[in-house]
Amino acid sequence: MTINEAQQIVDRWINTTGIRYFDELTNTALLMEEVGEVARIIARKYGEQSFKRIYLL
């Protein structure tokens, strides 16, 4: 499957389920949120930050 074919499948799904496309600002914010989560994991697993200990009461 090519990228173009995958885009067409997604476009058909969006247009037939009643869901709409988000605007550029919303898409950018959602992407930044996801990238931030991945960056946090990478910084803790491979970088100098450490995971927080969870204390159960």
N, C-alpha and C. Protein backbone atom coordinates (compact mmCIF):
# COMPACT_ATOMS: atom_id res chain seq x y z
N MET A 1 0.84 -1.17 0.00
CA MET A 1 0.00 0.00 0.00
C MET A 1 0.89 1.24 0.00
N THR A 2 0.55 2.17 -0.83
CA THR A 2 1.31 3.42 -0.89
C THR A 2 0.73 4.43 0.11
N ILE A 3 1.47 5.49 0.36
CA ILE A 3 0.97 6.55 1.25
C ILE A 3 -0.29 7.17 0.67
N ASN A 4 -0.30 7.38 -0.64
CA ASN A 4 -1.47 7.96 -1.29
C ASN A 4 -2.71 7.08 -1.10
N GLU A 5 -2.54 5.77 -1.23
CA GLU A 5 -3.66 4.85 -1.02
C GLU A 5 -4.15 4.89 0.42
N ALA A 6 -3.23 4.94 1.36
CA ALA A 6 -3.60 5.02 2.78
C ALA A 6 -4.35 6.32 3.06
N GLN A 7 -3.89 7.43 2.46
CA GLN A 7 -4.57 8.72 2.65
C GLN A 7 -5.99 8.67 2.11
N GLN A 8 -6.18 8.01 0.98
CA GLN A 8 -7.51 7.90 0.40
C GLN A 8 -8.43 7.08 1.29
N ILE A 9 -7.92 6.00 1.88
CA ILE A 9 -8.71 5.17 2.78
C ILE A 9 -9.14 5.98 4.01
N VAL A 10 -8.19 6.71 4.59
CA VAL A 10 -8.50 7.53 5.76
C VAL A 10 -9.50 8.63 5.40
N ASP A 11 -9.32 9.26 4.25
CA ASP A 11 -10.23 10.32 3.81
C ASP A 11 -11.65 9.78 3.64
N ARG A 12 -11.78 8.60 3.03
CA ARG A 12 -13.11 7.99 2.86
C ARG A 12 -13.73 7.70 4.22
N TRP A 13 -12.94 7.17 5.16
CA TRP A 13 -13.45 6.84 6.49
C TRP A 13 -13.92 8.10 7.21
N ILE A 14 -13.12 9.17 7.16
CA ILE A 14 -13.50 10.42 7.82
C ILE A 14 -14.79 10.97 7.23
N ASN A 15 -14.91 10.94 5.92
CA ASN A 15 -16.08 11.52 5.25
C ASN A 15 -17.34 10.66 5.37
N THR A 16 -17.22 9.38 5.67
CA THR A 16 -18.41 8.52 5.78
C THR A 16 -18.86 8.32 7.22
N THR A 17 -18.03 8.63 8.21
CA THR A 17 -18.42 8.42 9.61
C THR A 17 -18.93 9.68 10.27
N GLY A 18 -18.93 10.79 9.56
CA GLY A 18 -19.43 12.03 10.13
C GLY A 18 -18.41 12.79 10.95
N ILE A 19 -17.19 12.28 10.99
CA ILE A 19 -16.11 12.97 11.68
C ILE A 19 -15.52 14.00 10.73
N ARG A 20 -14.99 15.06 11.26
CA ARG A 20 -14.43 16.09 10.39
C ARG A 20 -12.92 16.19 10.61
N TYR A 21 -12.26 16.85 9.70
CA TYR A 21 -10.84 17.14 9.86
C TYR A 21 -10.67 18.28 10.87
N PHE A 22 -9.62 18.22 11.68
CA PHE A 22 -9.31 19.32 12.59
C PHE A 22 -8.51 20.36 11.84
N ASP A 23 -8.51 21.60 12.35
CA ASP A 23 -7.72 22.65 11.72
C ASP A 23 -6.24 22.49 12.08
N GLU A 24 -5.40 23.29 11.45
CA GLU A 24 -3.95 23.16 11.61
C GLU A 24 -3.49 23.38 13.05
N LEU A 25 -4.10 24.35 13.74
CA LEU A 25 -3.70 24.63 15.12
C LEU A 25 -3.98 23.44 16.03
N THR A 26 -5.17 22.86 15.88
CA THR A 26 -5.52 21.70 16.70
C THR A 26 -4.60 20.52 16.40
N ASN A 27 -4.36 20.25 15.12
CA ASN A 27 -3.46 19.15 14.75
C ASN A 27 -2.06 19.37 15.29
N THR A 28 -1.57 20.60 15.23
CA THR A 28 -0.23 20.91 15.74
C THR A 28 -0.17 20.67 17.25
N ALA A 29 -1.20 21.13 17.97
CA ALA A 29 -1.23 20.94 19.42
C ALA A 29 -1.27 19.46 19.79
N LEU A 30 -2.09 18.68 19.08
CA LEU A 30 -2.17 17.25 19.35
C LEU A 30 -0.84 16.55 19.06
N LEU A 31 -0.20 16.92 17.97
CA LEU A 31 1.10 16.35 17.63
C LEU A 31 2.14 16.69 18.69
N MET A 32 2.15 17.95 19.14
CA MET A 32 3.11 18.36 20.17
C MET A 32 2.90 17.59 21.47
N GLU A 33 1.64 17.33 21.81
CA GLU A 33 1.33 16.56 23.01
C GLU A 33 1.91 15.15 22.92
N GLU A 34 1.71 14.50 21.79
CA GLU A 34 2.23 13.14 21.60
C GLU A 34 3.75 13.12 21.58
N VAL A 35 4.36 14.06 20.88
CA VAL A 35 5.82 14.12 20.81
C VAL A 35 6.40 14.35 22.20
N GLY A 36 5.72 15.18 23.00
CA GLY A 36 6.17 15.44 24.37
C GLY A 36 6.18 14.19 25.21
N GLU A 37 5.17 13.36 25.06
CA GLU A 37 5.12 12.11 25.82
C GLU A 37 6.25 11.17 25.42
N VAL A 38 6.51 11.07 24.13
CA VAL A 38 7.61 10.21 23.66
C VAL A 38 8.95 10.77 24.14
N ALA A 39 9.12 12.09 24.06
CA ALA A 39 10.37 12.71 24.50
C ALA A 39 10.61 12.46 25.98
N ARG A 40 9.56 12.51 26.78
CA ARG A 40 9.69 12.26 28.22
C ARG A 40 10.21 10.85 28.48
N ILE A 41 9.67 9.89 27.76
CA ILE A 41 10.11 8.49 27.94
C ILE A 41 11.56 8.33 27.50
N ILE A 42 11.92 8.92 26.36
CA ILE A 42 13.30 8.81 25.87
C ILE A 42 14.27 9.45 26.85
N ALA A 43 13.92 10.61 27.41
CA ALA A 43 14.80 11.31 28.35
C ALA A 43 15.03 10.47 29.60
N ARG A 44 14.02 9.72 30.02
CA ARG A 44 14.16 8.92 31.23
C ARG A 44 14.84 7.58 30.96
N LYS A 45 14.57 7.00 29.81
CA LYS A 45 15.14 5.69 29.52
C LYS A 45 16.59 5.80 29.02
N TYR A 46 16.88 6.79 28.18
CA TYR A 46 18.20 6.89 27.56
C TYR A 46 18.98 8.11 28.00
N GLY A 47 18.31 9.09 28.59
CA GLY A 47 18.97 10.33 28.98
C GLY A 47 19.33 10.34 30.47
N GLU A 48 19.51 11.54 30.98
CA GLU A 48 19.95 11.71 32.36
C GLU A 48 18.81 11.76 33.37
N GLN A 49 17.59 11.93 32.91
CA GLN A 49 16.47 11.96 33.85
C GLN A 49 16.13 10.55 34.30
N SER A 50 15.50 10.46 35.45
CA SER A 50 15.12 9.14 35.95
C SER A 50 13.61 9.10 36.15
N PHE A 51 13.09 7.89 36.19
CA PHE A 51 11.67 7.72 36.45
C PHE A 51 11.41 8.02 37.92
N LYS A 52 10.25 8.59 38.20
CA LYS A 52 9.87 8.86 39.59
C LYS A 52 9.46 7.57 40.25
N ARG A 53 9.82 7.44 41.51
CA ARG A 53 9.36 6.30 42.28
C ARG A 53 7.93 6.55 42.71
N ILE A 54 7.14 5.51 42.68
CA ILE A 54 5.75 5.61 43.13
C ILE A 54 5.66 4.95 44.48
N TYR A 55 5.23 5.72 45.45
CA TYR A 55 5.07 5.19 46.81
C TYR A 55 3.60 4.91 47.06
N LEU A 56 3.30 3.70 47.46
CA LEU A 56 1.95 3.31 47.78
C LEU A 56 1.74 3.43 49.28
N LEU A 57 0.62 3.98 49.67
CA LEU A 57 0.33 4.14 51.10
C LEU A 57 -0.30 2.92 51.66
